[in-house]
Amino acid sequence: MTSFGPQIIAALIVGLLLGLAAKYTGSTAEEPNGLGEALSIIGSSYVSLLKTAVIPLIFFAVVASIANLAKVTNAARRAWQTLLWFAITALVSVIIGMVLGVVFRPGANTGQAAPEDYTGKTGDWLGFLTGLVPSNFLGLGASTRMDDGVASTSVSFNVLQILVIAIAVGVAALKVGKAAEPFLNFSASILAIIQKVLWWIIRIAPIGTVGLIGNAVATYGWDTIGALGKFTLAIYVG
């Protein structure tokens, strides 16, 4: 069987060709033809599968990891060392990203205008800190918008809130002790199952890649996708 890397590269090429075919047979973002609609459905369905698996993966992985700290000597010291290492590597990553953004300017010449209300920054530290406080147990959030007089509501998960919830549950389970062992064993079993399901989703990534790349090319055209190639280059350099 062909290894995973060549499968992804082949999927990129196939997606590009199908996207161009859809574009030059009249497919548009507002009125996609049959091929364009198929590419859009494949791409969006794959992203939905990833979103479905990621949320429970994060929750049970954090709970299981905290539970495993009880089996490690000097757990508190190791936890602080891990947090310090994470902070240092995150700082280095941010600096690299800022430098590459200034050098490559990947958003330039894409033909996409900035939103009218864009001020150069989004959010602040106070908003970030208050956003960590869970509004409900699942970290769910909902937003409603009007589109041509029609109201539509979308539901999303706040990953940071899920992390806070998972950490609280994991620490509480450790404090409870023996009574929480069935829950921790259950969490470990669920994590193993989710990891297997996620691996199946990853294995069909070439199919999702065909849909995502094909839909992008069919929607935005080759000129815009070519300009966004700088963004891809900046990522690989980083």
C-alpha atoms as a PDB file:
ATOM      1  CA  MET A   1       0.000   0.000   0.000  1.00  0.00           C
ATOM      2  CA  THR A   2       1.260   3.487  -0.849  1.00  0.00           C
ATOM      3  CA  SER A   3       2.578   5.366   2.172  1.00  0.00           C
ATOM      4  CA  PHE A   4       0.564   8.201   3.646  1.00  0.00           C
ATOM      5  CA  GLY A   5       2.774  11.074   2.419  1.00  0.00           C
ATOM      6  CA  PRO A   6       2.508  10.241  -1.305  1.00  0.00           C
ATOM      7  CA  GLN A   7      -1.244   9.741  -0.848  1.00  0.00           C
ATOM      8  CA  ILE A   8      -1.599  13.308   0.443  1.00  0.00           C
ATOM      9  CA  ILE A   9       0.535  14.701  -2.399  1.00  0.00           C
ATOM     10  CA  ALA A  10      -1.532  12.783  -4.946  1.00  0.00           C
ATOM     11  CA  ALA A  11      -4.708  14.082  -3.284  1.00  0.00           C
ATOM     12  CA  LEU A  12      -3.424  17.669  -3.574  1.00  0.00           C
ATOM     13  CA  ILE A  13      -2.832  17.199  -7.299  1.00  0.00           C
ATOM     14  CA  VAL A  14      -6.195  15.494  -7.877  1.00  0.00           C
ATOM     15  CA  GLY A  15      -7.988  18.180  -5.844  1.00  0.00           C
ATOM     16  CA  LEU A  16      -6.270  20.927  -7.832  1.00  0.00           C
ATOM     17  CA  LEU A  17      -7.244  19.359 -11.164  1.00  0.00           C
ATOM     18  CA  LEU A  18     -10.849  18.723 -10.106  1.00  0.00           C
ATOM     19  CA  GLY A  19     -11.108  22.254  -8.716  1.00  0.00           C
ATOM     20  CA  LEU A  20      -9.878  23.734 -11.994  1.00  0.00           C
ATOM     21  CA  ALA A  21     -12.301  21.502 -13.903  1.00  0.00           C
ATOM     22  CA  ALA A  22     -15.184  22.726 -11.743  1.00  0.00           C
ATOM     23  CA  LYS A  23     -14.063  26.358 -12.067  1.00  0.00           C
ATOM     24  CA  TYR A  24     -13.831  26.277 -15.850  1.00  0.00           C
ATOM     25  CA  THR A  25     -17.131  24.455 -16.270  1.00  0.00           C
ATOM     26  CA  GLY A  26     -19.001  27.316 -14.620  1.00  0.00           C
ATOM     27  CA  SER A  27     -18.942  26.509 -10.912  1.00  0.00           C
ATOM     28  CA  THR A  28     -19.053  29.531  -8.580  1.00  0.00           C
ATOM     29  CA  ALA A  29     -19.360  30.007  -4.832  1.00  0.00           C
ATOM     30  CA  GLU A  30     -22.937  31.245  -5.236  1.00  0.00           C
ATOM     31  CA  GLU A  31     -24.014  28.705  -7.864  1.00  0.00           C
ATOM     32  CA  PRO A  32     -21.787  25.606  -7.803  1.00  0.00           C
ATOM     33  CA  ASN A  33     -22.258  22.947 -10.449  1.00  0.00           C
ATOM     34  CA  GLY A  34     -22.411  19.249  -9.687  1.00  0.00           C
ATOM     35  CA  LEU A  35     -18.638  18.838  -9.377  1.00  0.00           C
ATOM     36  CA  GLY A  36     -18.223  21.964  -7.291  1.00  0.00           C
ATOM     37  CA  GLU A  37     -21.033  20.889  -4.951  1.00  0.00           C
ATOM     38  CA  ALA A  38     -19.497  17.420  -4.550  1.00  0.00           C
ATOM     39  CA  LEU A  39     -16.085  18.878  -3.683  1.00  0.00           C
ATOM     40  CA  SER A  40     -17.682  21.242  -1.156  1.00  0.00           C
ATOM     41  CA  ILE A  41     -19.622  18.429   0.530  1.00  0.00           C
ATOM     42  CA  ILE A  42     -16.563  16.155   0.732  1.00  0.00           C
ATOM     43  CA  GLY A  43     -14.368  18.895   2.217  1.00  0.00           C
ATOM     44  CA  SER A  44     -16.911  20.177   4.747  1.00  0.00           C
ATOM     45  CA  SER A  45     -17.847  16.634   5.805  1.00  0.00           C
ATOM     46  CA  TYR A  46     -14.215  15.791   6.527  1.00  0.00           C
ATOM     47  CA  VAL A  47     -13.756  18.951   8.611  1.00  0.00           C
ATOM     48  CA  SER A  48     -16.928  18.061  10.534  1.00  0.00           C
ATOM     49  CA  LEU A  49     -15.531  14.607  11.288  1.00  0.00           C
ATOM     50  CA  LEU A  50     -12.344  16.144  12.677  1.00  0.00           C
ATOM     51  CA  LYS A  51     -14.285  18.606  14.831  1.00  0.00           C
ATOM     52  CA  THR A  52     -16.440  15.786  16.176  1.00  0.00           C
ATOM     53  CA  ALA A  53     -13.435  13.746  17.298  1.00  0.00           C
ATOM     54  CA  VAL A  54     -11.228  16.549  18.612  1.00  0.00           C
ATOM     55  CA  ILE A  55     -13.446  17.758  21.466  1.00  0.00           C
ATOM     56  CA  PRO A  56     -13.823  14.408  23.309  1.00  0.00           C
ATOM     57  CA  LEU A  57     -10.164  13.667  22.515  1.00  0.00           C
ATOM     58  CA  ILE A  58      -9.024  16.818  24.323  1.00  0.00           C
ATOM     59  CA  PHE A  59     -11.261  16.226  27.338  1.00  0.00           C
ATOM     60  CA  PHE A  60     -10.418  12.579  27.977  1.00  0.00           C
ATOM     61  CA  ALA A  61      -6.725  13.012  27.082  1.00  0.00           C
ATOM     62  CA  VAL A  62      -6.333  15.745  29.707  1.00  0.00           C
ATOM     63  CA  VAL A  63      -8.259  13.773  32.344  1.00  0.00           C
ATOM     64  CA  ALA A  64      -6.217  10.632  31.657  1.00  0.00           C
ATOM     65  CA  SER A  65      -2.952  12.571  31.701  1.00  0.00           C
ATOM     66  CA  ILE A  66      -3.711  14.166  35.051  1.00  0.00           C
ATOM     67  CA  ALA A  67      -4.695  10.753  36.433  1.00  0.00           C
ATOM     68  CA  ASN A  68      -1.343   9.351  35.300  1.00  0.00           C
ATOM     69  CA  LEU A  69       0.457  11.996  37.353  1.00  0.00           C
ATOM     70  CA  ALA A  70      -0.466  10.008  40.448  1.00  0.00           C
ATOM     71  CA  LYS A  71       1.778   7.205  39.192  1.00  0.00           C
ATOM     72  CA  VAL A  72       4.774   9.478  38.621  1.00  0.00           C
ATOM     73  CA  THR A  73       7.266  10.393  41.319  1.00  0.00           C
ATOM     74  CA  ASN A  74       7.793  14.149  41.797  1.00  0.00           C
ATOM     75  CA  ALA A  75       4.627  14.766  39.778  1.00  0.00           C
ATOM     76  CA  ALA A  76       4.253  18.396  40.879  1.00  0.00           C
ATOM     77  CA  ARG A  77       7.831  19.228  39.929  1.00  0.00           C
ATOM     78  CA  ARG A  78       7.482  17.518  36.561  1.00  0.00           C
ATOM     79  CA  ALA A  79       4.214  19.373  35.916  1.00  0.00           C
ATOM     80  CA  TRP A  80       5.844  22.757  36.552  1.00  0.00           C
ATOM     81  CA  GLN A  81       8.806  21.816  34.355  1.00  0.00           C
ATOM     82  CA  THR A  82       6.389  20.855  31.588  1.00  0.00           C
ATOM     83  CA  LEU A  83       4.503  24.139  31.896  1.00  0.00           C
ATOM     84  CA  LEU A  84       7.763  26.111  31.843  1.00  0.00           C
ATOM     85  CA  TRP A  85       8.984  24.231  28.780  1.00  0.00           C
ATOM     86  CA  PHE A  86       5.617  24.820  27.075  1.00  0.00           C
ATOM     87  CA  ALA A  87       5.800  28.557  27.828  1.00  0.00           C
ATOM     88  CA  ILE A  88       9.353  28.843  26.456  1.00  0.00           C
ATOM     89  CA  THR A  89       8.633  26.913  23.257  1.00  0.00           C
ATOM     90  CA  ALA A  90       5.370  28.830  22.744  1.00  0.00           C
ATOM     91  CA  LEU A  91       7.266  32.150  23.052  1.00  0.00           C
ATOM     92  CA  VAL A  92       9.865  30.996  20.515  1.00  0.00           C
ATOM     93  CA  SER A  93       7.107  29.849  18.154  1.00  0.00           C
ATOM     94  CA  VAL A  94       5.299  33.193  18.384  1.00  0.00           C
ATOM     95  CA  ILE A  95       8.507  35.110  17.644  1.00  0.00           C
ATOM     96  CA  ILE A  96       9.246  32.892  14.622  1.00  0.00           C
ATOM     97  CA  GLY A  97       5.690  33.380  13.363  1.00  0.00           C
ATOM     98  CA  MET A  98       5.863  37.168  13.703  1.00  0.00           C
ATOM     99  CA  VAL A  99       9.202  37.354  11.876  1.00  0.00           C
ATOM    100  CA  LEU A 100       7.970  35.151   9.033  1.00  0.00           C
ATOM    101  CA  GLY A 101       4.771  37.197   8.797  1.00  0.00           C
ATOM    102  CA  VAL A 102       6.765  40.417   8.362  1.00  0.00           C
ATOM    103  CA  VAL A 103       9.191  38.844   5.851  1.00  0.00           C
ATOM    104  CA  PHE A 104       6.764  36.868   3.672  1.00  0.00           C
ATOM    105  CA  ARG A 105       3.581  38.961   4.139  1.00  0.00           C
ATOM    106  CA  PRO A 106       1.454  35.930   3.195  1.00  0.00           C
ATOM    107  CA  GLY A 107      -1.797  37.901   3.259  1.00  0.00           C
ATOM    108  CA  ALA A 108      -0.682  40.393   0.602  1.00  0.00           C
ATOM    109  CA  ASN A 109      -1.972  40.231  -2.989  1.00  0.00           C
ATOM    110  CA  THR A 110      -4.632  37.632  -2.221  1.00  0.00           C
ATOM    111  CA  GLY A 111      -7.452  39.810  -3.498  1.00  0.00           C
ATOM    112  CA  GLN A 112      -9.194  39.589  -0.120  1.00  0.00           C
ATOM    113  CA  ALA A 113     -10.019  42.873   1.596  1.00  0.00           C
ATOM    114  CA  ALA A 114      -9.880  43.256   5.365  1.00  0.00           C
ATOM    115  CA  PRO A 115     -13.266  43.491   7.138  1.00  0.00           C
ATOM    116  CA  GLU A 116     -14.559  47.037   7.564  1.00  0.00           C
ATOM    117  CA  ASP A 117     -14.485  46.798  11.363  1.00  0.00           C
ATOM    118  CA  TYR A 118     -10.957  45.331  11.484  1.00  0.00           C
ATOM    119  CA  THR A 119      -8.719  47.453  13.745  1.00  0.00           C
ATOM    120  CA  GLY A 120      -5.487  45.453  13.531  1.00  0.00           C
ATOM    121  CA  LYS A 121      -6.085  43.330  16.610  1.00  0.00           C
ATOM    122  CA  THR A 122      -8.724  41.046  18.012  1.00  0.00           C
ATOM    123  CA  GLY A 123      -9.488  40.532  21.688  1.00  0.00           C
ATOM    124  CA  ASP A 124      -7.486  41.489  24.772  1.00  0.00           C
ATOM    125  CA  TRP A 125      -6.055  39.858  27.894  1.00  0.00           C
ATOM    126  CA  LEU A 126      -9.148  40.598  29.982  1.00  0.00           C
ATOM    127  CA  GLY A 127     -11.370  38.993  27.365  1.00  0.00           C
ATOM    128  CA  PHE A 128      -9.032  36.013  27.203  1.00  0.00           C
ATOM    129  CA  LEU A 129      -9.099  35.504  30.976  1.00  0.00           C
ATOM    130  CA  THR A 130     -12.870  35.882  31.277  1.00  0.00           C
ATOM    131  CA  GLY A 131     -13.249  33.511  28.332  1.00  0.00           C
ATOM    132  CA  LEU A 132     -11.537  30.793  30.364  1.00  0.00           C
ATOM    133  CA  VAL A 133     -14.479  30.668  32.764  1.00  0.00           C
ATOM    134  CA  PRO A 134     -16.830  27.938  31.488  1.00  0.00           C
ATOM    135  CA  SER A 135     -20.349  29.107  30.728  1.00  0.00           C
ATOM    136  CA  ASN A 136     -21.608  25.518  30.857  1.00  0.00           C
ATOM    137  CA  PHE A 137     -20.206  22.031  31.458  1.00  0.00           C
ATOM    138  CA  LEU A 138     -19.594  21.290  27.752  1.00  0.00           C
ATOM    139  CA  GLY A 139     -18.005  24.652  26.909  1.00  0.00           C
ATOM    140  CA  LEU A 140     -20.725  25.231  24.348  1.00  0.00           C
ATOM    141  CA  GLY A 141     -21.362  28.595  22.739  1.00  0.00           C
ATOM    142  CA  ALA A 142     -24.033  29.711  20.294  1.00  0.00           C
ATOM    143  CA  SER A 143     -24.242  32.677  17.931  1.00  0.00           C
ATOM    144  CA  THR A 144     -27.092  33.927  15.768  1.00  0.00           C
ATOM    145  CA  ARG A 145     -26.772  36.037  12.649  1.00  0.00           C
ATOM    146  CA  MET A 146     -29.147  37.471  10.073  1.00  0.00           C
ATOM    147  CA  ASP A 147     -28.567  36.643   6.413  1.00  0.00           C
ATOM    148  CA  ASP A 148     -31.005  38.240   3.951  1.00  0.00           C
ATOM    149  CA  GLY A 149     -33.637  38.433   6.653  1.00  0.00           C
ATOM    150  CA  VAL A 150     -33.185  34.805   7.692  1.00  0.00           C
ATOM    151  CA  ALA A 151     -31.830  34.035  11.161  1.00  0.00           C
ATOM    152  CA  SER A 152     -29.319  31.215  11.483  1.00  0.00           C
ATOM    153  CA  THR A 153     -27.819  29.878  14.715  1.00  0.00           C
ATOM    154  CA  SER A 154     -24.483  28.072  14.930  1.00  0.00           C
ATOM    155  CA  VAL A 155     -23.148  26.137  17.906  1.00  0.00           C
ATOM    156  CA  SER A 156     -19.434  25.896  18.686  1.00  0.00           C
ATOM    157  CA  PHE A 157     -17.130  24.595  21.405  1.00  0.00           C
ATOM    158  CA  ASN A 158     -14.703  26.772  23.344  1.00  0.00           C
ATOM    159  CA  VAL A 159     -11.561  24.633  23.481  1.00  0.00           C
ATOM    160  CA  LEU A 160      -9.979  26.659  26.302  1.00  0.00           C
ATOM    161  CA  GLN A 161     -13.072  26.203  28.458  1.00  0.00           C
ATOM    162  CA  ILE A 162     -13.023  22.469  27.751  1.00  0.00           C
ATOM    163  CA  LEU A 163      -9.380  22.398  28.893  1.00  0.00           C
ATOM    164  CA  VAL A 164     -10.332  24.168  32.133  1.00  0.00           C
ATOM    165  CA  ILE A 165     -13.194  21.729  32.724  1.00  0.00           C
ATOM    166  CA  ALA A 166     -10.997  18.710  31.975  1.00  0.00           C
ATOM    167  CA  ILE A 167      -8.246  19.916  34.321  1.00  0.00           C
ATOM    168  CA  ALA A 168     -10.770  20.530  37.106  1.00  0.00           C
ATOM    169  CA  VAL A 169     -12.347  17.093  36.623  1.00  0.00           C
ATOM    170  CA  GLY A 170      -8.956  15.360  36.510  1.00  0.00           C
ATOM    171  CA  VAL A 171      -7.668  17.065  39.657  1.00  0.00           C
ATOM    172  CA  ALA A 172     -10.950  16.375  41.463  1.00  0.00           C
ATOM    173  CA  ALA A 173     -10.743  12.700  40.495  1.00  0.00           C
ATOM    174  CA  LEU A 174      -7.233  12.516  41.962  1.00  0.00           C
ATOM    175  CA  LYS A 175      -8.401  14.144  45.189  1.00  0.00           C
ATOM    176  CA  VAL A 176     -11.373  11.771  45.486  1.00  0.00           C
ATOM    177  CA  GLY A 177      -9.009   8.809  45.347  1.00  0.00           C
ATOM    178  CA  LYS A 178     -10.187   5.216  45.180  1.00  0.00           C
ATOM    179  CA  ALA A 179     -13.833   6.106  44.629  1.00  0.00           C
ATOM    180  CA  ALA A 180     -12.878   7.769  41.333  1.00  0.00           C
ATOM    181  CA  GLU A 181     -10.929   4.802  39.960  1.00  0.00           C
ATOM    182  CA  PRO A 182     -13.893   3.455  37.898  1.00  0.00           C
ATOM    183  CA  PHE A 183     -14.282   6.889  36.294  1.00  0.00           C
ATOM    184  CA  LEU A 184     -10.550   7.132  35.512  1.00  0.00           C
ATOM    185  CA  ASN A 185     -10.543   3.616  34.034  1.00  0.00           C
ATOM    186  CA  PHE A 186     -13.593   4.562  31.979  1.00  0.00           C
ATOM    187  CA  SER A 187     -11.832   7.731  30.775  1.00  0.00           C
ATOM    188  CA  ALA A 188      -8.756   5.735  29.730  1.00  0.00           C
ATOM    189  CA  SER A 189     -10.937   3.281  27.797  1.00  0.00           C
ATOM    190  CA  ILE A 190     -12.869   6.087  26.071  1.00  0.00           C
ATOM    191  CA  LEU A 191      -9.577   7.792  25.158  1.00  0.00           C
ATOM    192  CA  ALA A 192      -8.284   4.611  23.524  1.00  0.00           C
ATOM    193  CA  ILE A 193     -11.512   4.265  21.525  1.00  0.00           C
ATOM    194  CA  ILE A 194     -11.443   7.912  20.409  1.00  0.00           C
ATOM    195  CA  GLN A 195      -7.808   7.595  19.346  1.00  0.00           C
ATOM    196  CA  LYS A 196      -8.714   4.595  17.179  1.00  0.00           C
ATOM    197  CA  VAL A 197     -11.626   6.480  15.589  1.00  0.00           C
ATOM    198  CA  LEU A 198      -9.393   9.511  15.017  1.00  0.00           C
ATOM    199  CA  TRP A 199      -6.834   7.282  13.320  1.00  0.00           C
ATOM    200  CA  TRP A 200      -9.555   6.083  10.929  1.00  0.00           C
ATOM    201  CA  ILE A 201     -10.432   9.714  10.182  1.00  0.00           C
ATOM    202  CA  ILE A 202      -6.767  10.536   9.541  1.00  0.00           C
ATOM    203  CA  ARG A 203      -6.483   7.587   7.160  1.00  0.00           C
ATOM    204  CA  ILE A 204      -9.167   9.123   4.912  1.00  0.00           C
ATOM    205  CA  ALA A 205      -7.377  12.489   4.948  1.00  0.00           C
ATOM    206  CA  PRO A 206      -6.481  12.141   1.233  1.00  0.00           C
ATOM    207  CA  ILE A 207     -10.207  12.092   0.386  1.00  0.00           C
ATOM    208  CA  GLY A 208     -10.813  15.146   2.559  1.00  0.00           C
ATOM    209  CA  THR A 209      -7.817  16.875   0.973  1.00  0.00           C
ATOM    210  CA  VAL A 210      -9.281  16.368  -2.500  1.00  0.00           C
ATOM    211  CA  GLY A 211     -12.513  18.016  -1.385  1.00  0.00           C
ATOM    212  CA  LEU A 212     -10.908  20.903   0.501  1.00  0.00           C
ATOM    213  CA  ILE A 213      -8.340  21.814  -2.166  1.00  0.00           C
ATOM    214  CA  GLY A 214     -10.786  21.253  -5.000  1.00  0.00           C
ATOM    215  CA  ASN A 215     -13.449  23.422  -3.385  1.00  0.00           C
ATOM    216  CA  ALA A 216     -10.905  26.191  -2.653  1.00  0.00           C
ATOM    217  CA  VAL A 217      -9.716  26.268  -6.264  1.00  0.00           C
ATOM    218  CA  ALA A 218     -13.271  26.099  -7.642  1.00  0.00           C
ATOM    219  CA  THR A 219     -14.400  28.917  -5.354  1.00  0.00           C
ATOM    220  CA  TYR A 220     -11.478  31.345  -5.449  1.00  0.00           C
ATOM    221  CA  GLY A 221      -9.727  30.504  -8.701  1.00  0.00           C
ATOM    222  CA  TRP A 222      -6.120  29.728  -9.476  1.00  0.00           C
ATOM    223  CA  ASP A 223      -4.853  33.303  -9.145  1.00  0.00           C
ATOM    224  CA  THR A 224      -5.861  33.626  -5.502  1.00  0.00           C
ATOM    225  CA  ILE A 225      -4.711  30.110  -4.610  1.00  0.00           C
ATOM    226  CA  GLY A 226      -1.351  30.835  -6.244  1.00  0.00           C
ATOM    227  CA  ALA A 227      -0.939  33.969  -4.146  1.00  0.00           C
ATOM    228  CA  LEU A 228      -1.757  32.001  -1.012  1.00  0.00           C
ATOM    229  CA  GLY A 229       1.145  29.689  -1.854  1.00  0.00           C
ATOM    230  CA  LYS A 230       3.332  32.145   0.089  1.00  0.00           C
ATOM    231  CA  PHE A 231       1.321  31.278   3.173  1.00  0.00           C
ATOM    232  CA  THR A 232       2.078  27.584   2.693  1.00  0.00           C
ATOM    233  CA  LEU A 233       5.773  28.351   2.120  1.00  0.00           C
ATOM    234  CA  ALA A 234       5.906  30.447   5.301  1.00  0.00           C
ATOM    235  CA  ILE A 235       4.416  27.564   7.287  1.00  0.00           C
ATOM    236  CA  TYR A 236       7.015  25.096   6.009  1.00  0.00           C
ATOM    237  CA  VAL A 237       9.866  27.537   6.658  1.00  0.00           C
ATOM    238  CA  GLY A 238       8.543  28.046  10.200  1.00  0.00           C
END
